[in-house]
């Protein structure tokens, strides 16, 4: 008989058992998918009319994964290699523009395109050699203002700040400061003690105000500046694009959440990114935009269309078909939380089940 001495222990016990139950269910479902041929039937059913656009962020060796501020942005290097082998075997990997022009595959080999967001340095150091070895095209959507710098994403800056305040027992002071800047007024106030709540609040601020706030808070709480480069250099971009396998696209200039920006600032973000991309990458520039944080609305779409973008990628899960809105194209997020087992090894059954579920539902989390 299991006993719990306090309500807190009981909550932990229940949470752990729920997690174990979900993992057990996933193992069973993945095994069924692998052994019954369901995955092949699924691929054949969608190949004639739908394509898959996968989105990744960081690809890191096991010993480096804990250095990433967000576990949902990471796929292990070993899992990435296994993913490429799975795609090579069961799918037809094509450049993004080819899939957008015609999503139809053949037989039981749907078309799939690989995209990587933000422009992390490991896209070149870790992912690119494997893409080259497997002769697989990919499109990197980069924040051009962060390339060749030691800057961090605004989201990473806030996570570092939150973690330091948590370690120093100054979170209450931080929350008071955030309130002084007019934050904390949205719904779900019961989530206010949580990092995710305040991170989302920050994304609703115009980028210029958000950066000003972060500068102030980092000085106030004596944050140590970043010492390592997080993003690609332009020389690395040129090396990759010269191969013909890699194209580079806009993820805005500074990772701006476009739905929080004014019309003028949206145009500036997109113009600055486009100018930098054309200057450094020439013919390898994609005329597709990837919305940072997947944040957009009708106003943003109208502006993006007016600036000549052929298509824009969201973060909503789903398959791409000819009926998809070209300015809100769905993608399937691939990271350790979606396609790997407890040891960060790719599970082919789980990956196939996840791809299917992502196409059939508006949001799926395993």
Protein backbone atom coordinates (compact mmCIF):
# COMPACT_ATOMS: atom_id res chain seq x y z
CA UNK A 1 0.00 0.00 0.00
CA UNK A 2 1.35 3.44 -1.01
CA UNK A 3 0.93 6.30 1.45
CA UNK A 4 1.44 10.03 1.00
CA UNK A 5 2.03 12.11 4.10
CA UNK A 6 1.12 15.52 2.65
CA UNK A 7 -1.19 16.92 -0.05
CA UNK A 8 1.93 18.01 -1.95
CA UNK A 9 3.28 14.48 -2.01
CA UNK A 10 -0.10 13.23 -3.19
CA UNK A 11 -0.10 15.70 -6.10
CA UNK A 12 3.38 14.62 -7.13
CA UNK A 13 2.42 10.94 -6.89
CA UNK A 14 -0.67 11.47 -9.06
CA UNK A 15 1.22 13.54 -11.62
CA UNK A 16 3.96 10.94 -11.94
CA UNK A 17 1.46 8.13 -12.34
CA UNK A 18 -0.49 10.06 -14.99
CA UNK A 19 2.74 10.66 -16.89
CA UNK A 20 3.74 7.01 -16.65
CA UNK A 21 0.26 5.96 -17.83
CA UNK A 22 0.51 8.24 -20.89
CA UNK A 23 3.98 6.92 -21.71
CA UNK A 24 2.71 3.35 -21.45
CA UNK A 25 -0.22 4.14 -23.75
CA UNK A 26 2.12 5.76 -26.27
CA UNK A 27 4.38 2.69 -26.27
CA UNK A 28 1.41 0.43 -26.94
CA UNK A 29 0.01 2.65 -29.70
CA UNK A 30 3.44 3.06 -31.30
CA UNK A 31 3.94 -0.71 -31.32
CA UNK A 32 0.55 -1.21 -32.96
CA UNK A 33 1.36 1.38 -35.62
CA UNK A 34 4.71 -0.27 -36.41
CA UNK A 35 3.47 -3.86 -36.52
CA UNK A 36 0.11 -3.54 -38.27
CA UNK A 37 1.05 -1.45 -41.29
CA UNK A 38 -1.20 1.42 -40.24
CA UNK A 39 1.58 3.90 -40.99
CA UNK A 40 1.83 2.72 -44.60
CA UNK A 41 -1.94 2.97 -45.04
CA UNK A 42 -1.87 6.48 -43.58
CA UNK A 43 0.88 7.59 -45.95
CA UNK A 44 -0.92 6.16 -48.95
CA UNK A 45 -4.16 7.90 -47.93
CA UNK A 46 -2.59 11.35 -47.74
CA UNK A 47 0.08 11.11 -50.46
CA UNK A 48 -2.26 11.99 -53.30
CA UNK A 49 -3.43 15.31 -51.92
CA UNK A 50 -1.46 16.41 -48.84
CA UNK A 51 2.11 17.30 -47.98
CA UNK A 52 3.85 17.60 -44.62
CA UNK A 53 5.97 20.56 -43.59
CA UNK A 54 8.13 19.75 -40.59
CA UNK A 55 9.48 22.50 -38.37
CA UNK A 56 12.53 22.12 -36.15
CA UNK A 57 14.61 24.62 -34.22
CA UNK A 58 17.75 23.25 -32.60
CA UNK A 59 19.57 19.95 -33.24
CA UNK A 60 22.01 19.23 -30.42
CA UNK A 61 24.20 16.38 -29.18
CA UNK A 62 23.00 14.77 -25.94
CA UNK A 63 25.57 16.56 -23.80
CA UNK A 64 24.45 20.00 -25.03
CA UNK A 65 20.69 19.69 -24.85
CA UNK A 66 20.39 21.09 -21.35
CA UNK A 67 21.97 24.32 -22.60
CA UNK A 68 18.84 25.20 -24.56
CA UNK A 69 16.44 27.41 -22.65
CA UNK A 70 13.34 25.60 -23.95
CA UNK A 71 13.16 21.77 -24.23
CA UNK A 72 10.44 22.08 -26.87
CA UNK A 73 12.97 23.60 -29.25
CA UNK A 74 15.43 20.68 -29.21
CA UNK A 75 15.76 17.45 -31.14
CA UNK A 76 18.72 15.26 -30.25
CA UNK A 77 21.33 14.74 -32.95
CA UNK A 78 20.81 10.97 -32.88
CA UNK A 79 17.05 11.39 -33.29
CA UNK A 80 17.62 13.85 -36.14
CA UNK A 81 19.71 11.30 -38.03
CA UNK A 82 17.04 8.65 -37.45
CA UNK A 83 14.39 11.10 -38.65
CA UNK A 84 16.27 11.72 -41.90
CA UNK A 85 16.52 7.95 -42.46
CA UNK A 86 12.79 7.56 -41.80
CA UNK A 87 11.97 10.37 -44.23
CA UNK A 88 14.35 8.95 -46.83
CA UNK A 89 12.65 5.55 -46.59
CA UNK A 90 8.97 6.46 -46.35
CA UNK A 91 8.59 9.98 -47.76
CA UNK A 92 9.68 12.13 -50.68
CA UNK A 93 11.73 14.98 -49.23
CA UNK A 94 11.54 18.04 -51.48
CA UNK A 95 12.39 21.76 -51.24
CA UNK A 96 9.68 23.79 -49.53
CA UNK A 97 8.80 25.73 -52.69
CA UNK A 98 8.25 22.47 -54.60
CA UNK A 99 5.82 21.21 -51.98
CA UNK A 100 3.94 24.52 -51.91
CA UNK A 101 3.62 24.43 -55.71
CA UNK A 102 2.25 20.88 -55.66
CA UNK A 103 1.72 18.97 -52.40
CA UNK A 104 0.79 15.67 -54.09
CA UNK A 105 3.10 12.73 -53.58
CA UNK A 106 3.14 9.32 -55.24
CA UNK A 107 2.05 5.89 -53.99
CA UNK A 108 2.61 5.72 -50.26
CA UNK A 109 5.37 8.37 -50.29
CA UNK A 110 3.91 11.78 -49.34
CA UNK A 111 5.95 14.87 -50.00
CA UNK A 112 7.64 16.41 -46.99
CA UNK A 113 9.64 19.62 -46.57
CA UNK A 114 12.06 20.35 -43.72
CA UNK A 115 12.20 23.81 -42.14
CA UNK A 116 14.29 25.14 -39.26
CA UNK A 117 13.33 28.33 -37.43
CA UNK A 118 15.39 31.16 -35.89
CA UNK A 119 18.80 30.44 -37.45
CA UNK A 120 20.58 28.71 -34.55
CA UNK A 121 24.32 28.07 -34.90
CA UNK A 122 23.82 24.33 -34.52
CA UNK A 123 21.83 24.33 -37.77
CA UNK A 124 25.25 24.62 -39.43
CA UNK A 125 27.43 22.82 -36.92
CA UNK A 126 25.20 19.79 -36.24
CA UNK A 127 22.23 19.55 -38.63
CA UNK A 128 23.82 20.65 -41.92
CA UNK A 129 26.42 17.86 -42.18
CA UNK A 130 23.67 15.26 -41.82
CA UNK A 131 21.42 17.00 -44.36
CA UNK A 132 24.37 17.04 -46.73
CA UNK A 133 25.17 13.37 -46.13
CA UNK A 134 21.55 12.39 -46.85
CA UNK A 135 21.24 14.85 -49.76
CA UNK A 136 18.15 16.43 -48.18
CA UNK A 137 17.00 19.99 -48.84
CA UNK A 138 15.86 22.31 -46.07
CA UNK A 139 14.86 25.93 -45.55
CA UNK A 140 16.22 27.90 -42.60
CA UNK A 141 14.06 30.83 -41.47
CA UNK A 142 16.49 33.19 -39.78
CA UNK A 143 16.20 36.32 -37.66
CA UNK A 144 18.62 38.38 -39.71
CA UNK A 145 19.31 40.94 -36.96
CA UNK A 146 20.63 38.19 -34.68
CA UNK A 147 23.04 36.57 -37.15
CA UNK A 148 26.72 37.29 -36.58
CA UNK A 149 26.03 38.63 -33.07
CA UNK A 150 26.14 37.49 -29.45
CA UNK A 151 22.52 38.55 -28.93
CA UNK A 152 19.84 36.26 -27.53
CA UNK A 153 16.21 35.81 -28.48
CA UNK A 154 13.99 37.99 -26.26
CA UNK A 155 12.38 34.76 -25.04
CA UNK A 156 15.72 33.33 -23.94
CA UNK A 157 16.68 36.56 -22.23
CA UNK A 158 13.51 36.44 -20.13
CA UNK A 159 13.97 32.75 -19.30
CA UNK A 160 17.51 33.42 -18.07
CA UNK A 161 16.24 36.33 -15.98
CA UNK A 162 13.43 34.27 -14.48
CA UNK A 163 15.78 31.38 -13.65
CA UNK A 164 18.27 33.66 -11.93
CA UNK A 165 15.55 35.37 -9.87
CA UNK A 166 14.17 31.97 -8.92
CA UNK A 167 17.60 30.81 -7.76
CA UNK A 168 18.11 34.02 -5.76
CA UNK A 169 14.59 34.08 -4.29
CA UNK A 170 13.75 37.40 -5.97
CA UNK A 171 10.84 36.25 -8.12
CA UNK A 172 8.32 38.28 -6.10
CA UNK A 173 10.33 41.43 -6.77
CA UNK A 174 10.48 40.57 -10.47
CA UNK A 175 6.71 40.13 -10.65
CA UNK A 176 6.23 43.51 -8.94
CA UNK A 177 8.50 45.10 -11.55
CA UNK A 178 6.56 43.45 -14.36
CA UNK A 179 3.31 44.78 -12.92
CA UNK A 180 4.80 48.28 -12.83
CA UNK A 181 5.33 47.99 -16.59
CA UNK A 182 1.61 47.34 -17.08
CA UNK A 183 1.80 43.58 -17.42
CA UNK A 184 -0.23 40.86 -15.70
CA UNK A 185 -3.67 42.11 -16.74
CA UNK A 186 -4.66 39.27 -19.08
CA UNK A 187 -6.91 36.34 -18.26
CA UNK A 188 -5.77 33.23 -16.40
CA UNK A 189 -4.34 35.25 -13.53
CA UNK A 190 -4.12 32.09 -11.45
CA UNK A 191 -1.13 31.23 -13.64
CA UNK A 192 0.74 34.38 -12.65
CA UNK A 193 3.37 32.59 -10.52
CA UNK A 194 4.46 30.66 -13.59
CA UNK A 195 7.17 31.57 -16.06
CA UNK A 196 4.99 30.63 -19.05
CA UNK A 197 2.37 33.21 -18.08
CA UNK A 198 4.80 36.10 -18.01
CA UNK A 199 6.64 34.91 -21.11
CA UNK A 200 3.35 35.03 -23.02
CA UNK A 201 2.61 38.45 -21.56
CA UNK A 202 5.92 39.74 -22.91
CA UNK A 203 5.10 38.53 -26.40
CA UNK A 204 2.07 40.82 -26.40
CA UNK A 205 4.32 43.86 -26.02
CA UNK A 206 5.74 45.62 -29.08
CA UNK A 207 9.30 44.45 -29.56
CA UNK A 208 10.89 47.86 -28.95
CA UNK A 209 9.15 48.10 -25.55
CA UNK A 210 9.98 44.49 -24.74
CA UNK A 211 13.69 45.00 -25.44
CA UNK A 212 13.71 48.18 -23.36
CA UNK A 213 12.08 46.32 -20.47
CA UNK A 214 14.56 43.45 -20.72
CA UNK A 215 17.50 45.87 -20.76
CA UNK A 216 16.16 47.51 -17.60
CA UNK A 217 15.51 44.24 -15.78
CA UNK A 218 18.85 42.71 -16.72
CA UNK A 219 20.64 45.74 -15.28
CA UNK A 220 18.48 45.80 -12.17
CA UNK A 221 19.07 42.10 -11.42
CA UNK A 222 22.69 42.16 -12.59
CA UNK A 223 22.41 39.56 -15.29
CA UNK A 224 25.67 38.25 -16.77
CA UNK A 225 25.90 38.93 -20.52
CA UNK A 226 25.90 35.91 -22.83
CA UNK A 227 29.39 34.68 -23.64
CA UNK A 228 28.68 32.30 -26.52
CA UNK A 229 27.17 32.83 -29.94
CA UNK A 230 23.70 31.38 -30.37
CA UNK A 231 23.06 32.12 -34.04
CA UNK A 232 24.58 31.52 -37.45
CA UNK A 233 27.15 33.74 -39.10
CA UNK A 234 26.53 35.02 -42.59
CA UNK A 235 29.57 33.09 -43.79
CA UNK A 236 27.98 29.87 -42.54
CA UNK A 237 24.78 30.82 -44.37
CA UNK A 238 26.75 31.32 -47.58
CA UNK A 239 28.52 27.98 -47.20
CA UNK A 240 25.22 26.16 -46.78
CA UNK A 241 23.35 27.92 -49.57
CA UNK A 242 26.18 27.34 -52.07
CA UNK A 243 25.44 23.61 -51.91
CA UNK A 244 22.00 24.20 -53.44
CA UNK A 245 20.39 22.13 -50.68
CA UNK A 246 19.74 24.96 -48.24
CA UNK A 247 17.59 28.03 -48.78
CA UNK A 248 17.24 30.89 -46.34
CA UNK A 249 14.00 32.71 -45.50
CA UNK A 250 12.67 35.48 -43.29
CA UNK A 251 11.73 34.99 -39.66
CA UNK A 252 11.66 38.80 -39.34
CA UNK A 253 14.71 40.86 -38.42
CA UNK A 254 14.59 40.58 -34.60
CA UNK A 255 12.03 37.82 -33.90
CA UNK A 256 9.11 40.22 -33.64
CA UNK A 257 5.68 38.85 -32.69
CA UNK A 258 4.00 40.55 -35.63
CA UNK A 259 0.46 40.68 -34.24
CA UNK A 260 1.81 42.87 -31.41
CA UNK A 261 3.47 45.38 -33.75
CA UNK A 262 2.24 48.49 -35.54
CA UNK A 263 1.84 48.46 -39.32
CA UNK A 264 4.96 50.62 -39.68
CA UNK A 265 7.07 48.34 -37.49
CA UNK A 266 5.86 45.21 -39.27
CA UNK A 267 6.97 46.69 -42.59
CA UNK A 268 10.30 47.70 -41.07
CA UNK A 269 10.93 44.22 -39.64
CA UNK A 270 10.15 42.54 -42.94
CA UNK A 271 12.03 45.10 -45.06
CA UNK A 272 15.15 44.88 -42.91
CA UNK A 273 15.11 41.08 -43.03
CA UNK A 274 14.54 40.99 -46.79
CA UNK A 275 17.34 43.49 -47.46
CA UNK A 276 19.81 41.53 -45.33
CA UNK A 277 18.86 38.21 -46.91
CA UNK A 278 19.24 39.50 -50.46
CA UNK A 279 22.54 41.18 -49.63
CA UNK A 280 24.09 38.05 -48.14
CA UNK A 281 22.33 35.17 -49.89
CA UNK A 282 21.22 36.33 -53.33
CA UNK A 283 19.34 33.68 -55.29
CA UNK A 284 19.08 31.34 -52.29
CA UNK A 285 16.46 33.55 -50.59
CA UNK A 286 13.00 32.07 -50.14
CA UNK A 287 10.01 34.35 -50.70
CA UNK A 288 8.21 32.58 -47.85
CA UNK A 289 7.86 34.04 -44.36
CA UNK A 290 7.71 32.10 -41.08
CA UNK A 291 5.79 33.94 -38.35
CA UNK A 292 7.80 34.18 -35.09
CA UNK A 293 5.95 32.35 -32.31
CA UNK A 294 3.25 31.64 -34.89
CA UNK A 295 1.65 34.98 -34.00
CA UNK A 296 -0.37 36.67 -36.75
CA UNK A 297 -3.86 37.97 -37.48
CA UNK A 298 -5.82 39.25 -40.46
CA UNK A 299 -4.09 42.63 -40.34
CA UNK A 300 -0.67 40.96 -40.40
CA UNK A 301 -1.70 38.71 -43.29
CA UNK A 302 -2.84 41.71 -45.33
CA UNK A 303 0.48 43.47 -44.76
CA UNK A 304 2.49 40.35 -45.56
CA UNK A 305 0.53 39.92 -48.80
CA UNK A 306 1.03 43.57 -49.74
CA UNK A 307 4.79 43.15 -49.35
CA UNK A 308 4.92 40.41 -51.94
CA UNK A 309 5.36 37.27 -49.89
CA UNK A 310 4.08 34.21 -51.72
CA UNK A 311 3.31 32.29 -48.56
CA UNK A 312 3.65 32.42 -44.78
CA UNK A 313 4.11 29.55 -42.34
CA UNK A 314 2.29 29.24 -39.05
CA UNK A 315 2.91 26.96 -36.08
CA UNK A 316 -0.56 25.40 -36.17
CA UNK A 317 -0.37 21.62 -36.78
CA UNK A 318 -1.76 20.06 -39.93
CA UNK A 319 -1.10 18.93 -43.48
CA UNK A 320 -0.68 21.29 -46.42
CA UNK A 321 -3.17 20.93 -49.27
CA UNK A 322 -4.17 23.07 -52.23
CA UNK A 323 -7.03 24.38 -50.08
CA UNK A 324 -4.73 25.64 -47.32
CA UNK A 325 -4.58 29.37 -46.69
CA UNK A 326 -1.24 30.40 -48.27
CA UNK A 327 -0.69 32.97 -45.52
CA UNK A 328 -1.40 30.56 -42.66
CA UNK A 329 0.25 27.33 -43.75
CA UNK A 330 0.31 24.58 -41.08
CA UNK A 331 3.47 22.81 -39.99
CA UNK A 332 4.26 19.86 -37.76
CA UNK A 333 6.64 20.61 -34.88
CA UNK A 334 9.37 18.03 -34.39
CA UNK A 335 11.32 17.89 -31.13
CA UNK A 336 12.23 15.50 -28.33
CA UNK A 337 8.78 15.85 -26.76
CA UNK A 338 6.91 14.78 -29.89
CA UNK A 339 8.83 11.98 -31.62
CA UNK A 340 11.32 10.42 -29.20
CA UNK A 341 11.23 7.97 -26.33
CA UNK A 342 12.52 8.55 -22.80
CA UNK A 343 16.12 8.17 -24.00
CA UNK A 344 15.69 10.78 -26.76
CA UNK A 345 15.79 8.07 -29.43
CA UNK A 346 13.44 8.42 -32.37
CA UNK A 347 10.48 6.06 -32.21
CA UNK A 348 9.31 5.43 -35.78
CA UNK A 349 5.91 4.28 -34.56
CA UNK A 350 5.48 7.33 -32.37
CA UNK A 351 6.65 9.65 -35.17
CA UNK A 352 4.18 8.12 -37.63
CA UNK A 353 1.35 8.31 -35.10
CA UNK A 354 2.25 11.91 -34.28
CA UNK A 355 2.33 12.96 -37.94
CA UNK A 356 -1.09 11.39 -38.46
CA UNK A 357 -2.55 12.99 -35.34
CA UNK A 358 -1.12 16.39 -36.24
CA UNK A 359 -2.94 16.28 -39.53
CA UNK A 360 -6.25 15.18 -38.08
CA UNK A 361 -6.44 17.53 -35.08
CA UNK A 362 -5.91 21.23 -34.55
CA UNK A 363 -3.44 20.58 -31.71
CA UNK A 364 -1.93 17.39 -30.36
CA UNK A 365 0.49 16.99 -27.49
CA UNK A 366 1.92 13.62 -26.44
